[in-house]
Amino acid sequence: MMTSNTTDQLTDLKTQARRLRRDMAETGRAISHGQALEMIAHQQGVRDWNTLSATVRRNDNKRPFAVGDRVEGQYLGQPFTGYVHGLSVGPQGKYQRITLQFDEPVDVVTFDSFSSFRQRVSAVIDDEGRSLYRISSGAPQLVLHHVGL
């Protein structure tokens, strides 16, 4: 459910697109409303209108991760990059069950005598991207954040 804040943000962005469309038409370069929405999205630094709209909704939702997000961090002490493959959240829960697909398999064994590689893992995380479960050192099993943050 969208709050008035989300509705206001989306309305403001659509108003910007209408102004852009009008201004472009006045200079003899008519564009469609869809093209104007895409241009507004690019100005906001995202690839398209659908991504911008989803970002506004997600930010209002206070959910830090969404399916498809690029992420990086540490899994069992090993660095990784990848993307969010799956996500499930309880209706009022502050925790999420997240499934990650790593770009490259991660060796989750610290012994020199053998290895065990994982490329897809699941964990329960809090709203800061830290797993509830810990490794023997006391560090979270999983720590993740968006790529570039």
C-alpha atoms as a PDB file:
ATOM      1  CA  MET A   1       0.000   0.000   0.000  1.00  0.00           C
ATOM      2  CA  MET A   2       1.368   3.408  -0.960  1.00  0.00           C
ATOM      3  CA  THR A   3       1.448   6.195   1.570  1.00  0.00           C
ATOM      4  CA  SER A   4       0.688   9.798   0.729  1.00  0.00           C
ATOM      5  CA  ASN A   5       4.443  10.478   0.717  1.00  0.00           C
ATOM      6  CA  THR A   6       4.961   7.900  -2.047  1.00  0.00           C
ATOM      7  CA  THR A   7       1.928   9.170  -3.925  1.00  0.00           C
ATOM      8  CA  ASP A   8       3.224  12.736  -3.629  1.00  0.00           C
ATOM      9  CA  GLN A   9       6.668  11.756  -4.926  1.00  0.00           C
ATOM     10  CA  LEU A  10       5.236   9.882  -7.902  1.00  0.00           C
ATOM     11  CA  THR A  11       2.818  12.744  -8.638  1.00  0.00           C
ATOM     12  CA  ASP A  12       5.722  15.219  -8.553  1.00  0.00           C
ATOM     13  CA  LEU A  13       7.757  13.083 -10.951  1.00  0.00           C
ATOM     14  CA  LYS A  14       4.815  12.742 -13.343  1.00  0.00           C
ATOM     15  CA  THR A  15       4.260  16.512 -13.164  1.00  0.00           C
ATOM     16  CA  GLN A  16       7.908  17.024 -14.106  1.00  0.00           C
ATOM     17  CA  ALA A  17       7.379  14.724 -17.089  1.00  0.00           C
ATOM     18  CA  ARG A  18       4.323  16.707 -18.213  1.00  0.00           C
ATOM     19  CA  ARG A  19       6.294  19.963 -17.961  1.00  0.00           C
ATOM     20  CA  LEU A  20       9.178  18.447 -19.905  1.00  0.00           C
ATOM     21  CA  ARG A  21       6.787  17.213 -22.595  1.00  0.00           C
ATOM     22  CA  ARG A  22       5.153  20.661 -22.852  1.00  0.00           C
ATOM     23  CA  ASP A  23       8.510  22.464 -22.980  1.00  0.00           C
ATOM     24  CA  MET A  24       9.820  20.093 -25.653  1.00  0.00           C
ATOM     25  CA  ALA A  25       6.657  20.590 -27.741  1.00  0.00           C
ATOM     26  CA  GLU A  26       7.067  24.384 -27.500  1.00  0.00           C
ATOM     27  CA  THR A  27      10.522  24.074 -29.056  1.00  0.00           C
ATOM     28  CA  GLY A  28       9.205  21.883 -31.878  1.00  0.00           C
ATOM     29  CA  ARG A  29      10.507  18.588 -30.487  1.00  0.00           C
ATOM     30  CA  ALA A  30       7.352  16.761 -29.439  1.00  0.00           C
ATOM     31  CA  ILE A  31       7.799  13.631 -27.334  1.00  0.00           C
ATOM     32  CA  SER A  32       5.324  11.150 -25.877  1.00  0.00           C
ATOM     33  CA  HIS A  33       4.447  11.079 -22.192  1.00  0.00           C
ATOM     34  CA  GLY A  34       6.270   7.734 -21.915  1.00  0.00           C
ATOM     35  CA  GLN A  35       9.427   9.268 -23.391  1.00  0.00           C
ATOM     36  CA  ALA A  36       9.179  12.132 -20.919  1.00  0.00           C
ATOM     37  CA  LEU A  37       8.862   9.679 -18.022  1.00  0.00           C
ATOM     38  CA  GLU A  38      11.960   7.834 -19.240  1.00  0.00           C
ATOM     39  CA  MET A  39      13.885  11.131 -19.467  1.00  0.00           C
ATOM     40  CA  ILE A  40      12.888  12.028 -15.903  1.00  0.00           C
ATOM     41  CA  ALA A  41      14.079   8.602 -14.755  1.00  0.00           C
ATOM     42  CA  HIS A  42      17.453   9.128 -16.466  1.00  0.00           C
ATOM     43  CA  GLN A  43      17.774  12.543 -14.795  1.00  0.00           C
ATOM     44  CA  GLN A  44      17.233  10.799 -11.448  1.00  0.00           C
ATOM     45  CA  GLY A  45      20.079   8.407 -12.248  1.00  0.00           C
ATOM     46  CA  VAL A  46      18.129   5.211 -12.956  1.00  0.00           C
ATOM     47  CA  ARG A  47      17.727   3.252 -16.172  1.00  0.00           C
ATOM     48  CA  ASP A  48      13.962   3.642 -16.765  1.00  0.00           C
ATOM     49  CA  TRP A  49      10.618   4.811 -15.385  1.00  0.00           C
ATOM     50  CA  ASN A  50       9.689   1.394 -13.979  1.00  0.00           C
ATOM     51  CA  THR A  51      12.901   1.321 -11.940  1.00  0.00           C
ATOM     52  CA  LEU A  52      12.335   4.858 -10.647  1.00  0.00           C
ATOM     53  CA  SER A  53       8.741   4.110  -9.704  1.00  0.00           C
ATOM     54  CA  ALA A  54       9.753   0.903  -7.918  1.00  0.00           C
ATOM     55  CA  THR A  55      12.572   2.720  -6.113  1.00  0.00           C
ATOM     56  CA  VAL A  56      10.187   5.364  -4.800  1.00  0.00           C
ATOM     57  CA  ARG A  57       7.791   2.677  -3.610  1.00  0.00           C
ATOM     58  CA  ARG A  58      10.572   0.583  -2.066  1.00  0.00           C
ATOM     59  CA  ASN A  59      12.107   3.568  -0.270  1.00  0.00           C
ATOM     60  CA  ASP A  60       8.742   4.354   1.256  1.00  0.00           C
ATOM     61  CA  ASN A  61       8.340   0.701   2.148  1.00  0.00           C
ATOM     62  CA  LYS A  62      11.562   0.851   4.186  1.00  0.00           C
ATOM     63  CA  ARG A  63      12.717  -2.438   2.707  1.00  0.00           C
ATOM     64  CA  PRO A  64      16.451  -2.199   2.058  1.00  0.00           C
ATOM     65  CA  PHE A  65      16.685  -4.862  -0.671  1.00  0.00           C
ATOM     66  CA  ALA A  66      14.606  -5.952  -3.642  1.00  0.00           C
ATOM     67  CA  VAL A  67      14.859  -8.811  -6.126  1.00  0.00           C
ATOM     68  CA  GLY A  68      17.397  -7.930  -8.800  1.00  0.00           C
ATOM     69  CA  ASP A  69      19.429  -5.498  -6.653  1.00  0.00           C
ATOM     70  CA  ARG A  70      23.197  -5.712  -7.117  1.00  0.00           C
ATOM     71  CA  VAL A  71      24.873  -6.422  -3.780  1.00  0.00           C
ATOM     72  CA  GLU A  72      28.301  -7.062  -2.314  1.00  0.00           C
ATOM     73  CA  GLY A  73      29.579  -8.049   1.097  1.00  0.00           C
ATOM     74  CA  GLN A  74      30.907 -11.024   3.009  1.00  0.00           C
ATOM     75  CA  TYR A  75      29.521 -14.523   3.372  1.00  0.00           C
ATOM     76  CA  LEU A  76      31.186 -16.645   6.064  1.00  0.00           C
ATOM     77  CA  GLY A  77      34.048 -14.157   6.018  1.00  0.00           C
ATOM     78  CA  GLN A  78      34.570 -14.368   2.245  1.00  0.00           C
ATOM     79  CA  PRO A  79      33.983 -11.328  -0.017  1.00  0.00           C
ATOM     80  CA  PHE A  80      31.409 -11.595  -2.802  1.00  0.00           C
ATOM     81  CA  THR A  81      29.438  -9.647  -5.377  1.00  0.00           C
ATOM     82  CA  GLY A  82      26.128 -10.785  -6.806  1.00  0.00           C
ATOM     83  CA  TYR A  83      22.433 -10.016  -6.926  1.00  0.00           C
ATOM     84  CA  VAL A  84      19.292 -10.643  -4.908  1.00  0.00           C
ATOM     85  CA  HIS A  85      17.700 -13.740  -6.437  1.00  0.00           C
ATOM     86  CA  GLY A  86      14.769 -14.100  -4.033  1.00  0.00           C
ATOM     87  CA  LEU A  87      13.223 -12.333  -1.100  1.00  0.00           C
ATOM     88  CA  SER A  88      10.409 -13.031   1.301  1.00  0.00           C
ATOM     89  CA  VAL A  89       9.206 -10.738   4.038  1.00  0.00           C
ATOM     90  CA  GLY A  90       6.540 -11.179   6.666  1.00  0.00           C
ATOM     91  CA  PRO A  91       3.781  -8.551   6.609  1.00  0.00           C
ATOM     92  CA  GLN A  92       5.008  -6.745   9.718  1.00  0.00           C
ATOM     93  CA  GLY A  93       8.357  -8.465  10.155  1.00  0.00           C
ATOM     94  CA  LYS A  94      11.586  -6.594  10.499  1.00  0.00           C
ATOM     95  CA  TYR A  95      13.501  -9.554   9.062  1.00  0.00           C
ATOM     96  CA  GLN A  96      13.753 -10.795   5.475  1.00  0.00           C
ATOM     97  CA  ARG A  97      14.700 -14.187   4.090  1.00  0.00           C
ATOM     98  CA  ILE A  98      17.004 -13.406   1.208  1.00  0.00           C
ATOM     99  CA  THR A  99      18.505 -15.620  -1.488  1.00  0.00           C
ATOM    100  CA  LEU A 100      21.651 -14.376  -3.196  1.00  0.00           C
ATOM    101  CA  GLN A 101      23.258 -15.464  -6.448  1.00  0.00           C
ATOM    102  CA  PHE A 102      27.006 -14.786  -6.342  1.00  0.00           C
ATOM    103  CA  ASP A 103      28.813 -13.711  -9.495  1.00  0.00           C
ATOM    104  CA  GLU A 104      31.611 -16.171  -8.697  1.00  0.00           C
ATOM    105  CA  PRO A 105      31.409 -19.202  -6.368  1.00  0.00           C
ATOM    106  CA  VAL A 106      32.650 -18.541  -2.825  1.00  0.00           C
ATOM    107  CA  ASP A 107      34.728 -21.110  -0.915  1.00  0.00           C
ATOM    108  CA  VAL A 108      32.981 -21.419   2.446  1.00  0.00           C
ATOM    109  CA  VAL A 109      35.619 -23.696   4.016  1.00  0.00           C
ATOM    110  CA  THR A 110      38.689 -22.228   5.689  1.00  0.00           C
ATOM    111  CA  PHE A 111      40.734 -25.463   5.751  1.00  0.00           C
ATOM    112  CA  ASP A 112      43.601 -25.845   3.286  1.00  0.00           C
ATOM    113  CA  SER A 113      42.915 -29.554   2.746  1.00  0.00           C
ATOM    114  CA  PHE A 114      39.543 -29.140   0.974  1.00  0.00           C
ATOM    115  CA  SER A 115      37.073 -26.629  -0.414  1.00  0.00           C
ATOM    116  CA  SER A 116      33.325 -26.245  -0.653  1.00  0.00           C
ATOM    117  CA  PHE A 117      32.058 -23.651  -3.093  1.00  0.00           C
ATOM    118  CA  ARG A 118      28.649 -21.965  -2.963  1.00  0.00           C
ATOM    119  CA  GLN A 119      27.145 -19.744  -5.622  1.00  0.00           C
ATOM    120  CA  ARG A 120      23.584 -19.431  -4.280  1.00  0.00           C
ATOM    121  CA  VAL A 121      22.877 -18.980  -0.579  1.00  0.00           C
ATOM    122  CA  SER A 122      19.947 -18.009   1.630  1.00  0.00           C
ATOM    123  CA  ALA A 123      19.890 -16.242   4.972  1.00  0.00           C
ATOM    124  CA  VAL A 124      17.620 -14.313   7.302  1.00  0.00           C
ATOM    125  CA  ILE A 125      18.776 -10.689   7.548  1.00  0.00           C
ATOM    126  CA  ASP A 126      17.795  -7.578   9.455  1.00  0.00           C
ATOM    127  CA  ASP A 127      17.065  -4.204   7.862  1.00  0.00           C
ATOM    128  CA  GLU A 128      20.797  -3.397   7.782  1.00  0.00           C
ATOM    129  CA  GLY A 129      21.724  -6.464   5.713  1.00  0.00           C
ATOM    130  CA  ARG A 130      23.228  -8.510   8.554  1.00  0.00           C
ATOM    131  CA  SER A 131      22.296 -12.131   9.162  1.00  0.00           C
ATOM    132  CA  LEU A 132      20.866 -13.165  12.490  1.00  0.00           C
ATOM    133  CA  TYR A 133      23.218 -16.140  12.743  1.00  0.00           C
ATOM    134  CA  ARG A 134      26.917 -15.797  13.587  1.00  0.00           C
ATOM    135  CA  ILE A 135      30.123 -17.609  12.747  1.00  0.00           C
ATOM    136  CA  SER A 136      32.474 -18.837  15.511  1.00  0.00           C
ATOM    137  CA  SER A 137      34.273 -15.470  15.673  1.00  0.00           C
ATOM    138  CA  GLY A 138      30.957 -13.773  16.505  1.00  0.00           C
ATOM    139  CA  ALA A 139      30.675 -11.981  13.153  1.00  0.00           C
ATOM    140  CA  PRO A 140      27.425 -12.301  11.188  1.00  0.00           C
ATOM    141  CA  GLN A 141      27.359 -15.164   8.648  1.00  0.00           C
ATOM    142  CA  LEU A 142      26.280 -12.655   6.002  1.00  0.00           C
ATOM    143  CA  VAL A 143      26.860  -8.919   5.694  1.00  0.00           C
ATOM    144  CA  LEU A 144      25.627  -7.258   2.550  1.00  0.00           C
ATOM    145  CA  HIS A 145      24.997  -3.867   1.053  1.00  0.00           C
ATOM    146  CA  HIS A 146      24.194  -2.432  -2.355  1.00  0.00           C
ATOM    147  CA  VAL A 147      27.070  -2.300  -4.823  1.00  0.00           C
ATOM    148  CA  GLY A 148      28.793   1.054  -4.646  1.00  0.00           C
ATOM    149  CA  LEU A 149      27.538   1.970  -1.155  1.00  0.00           C
END
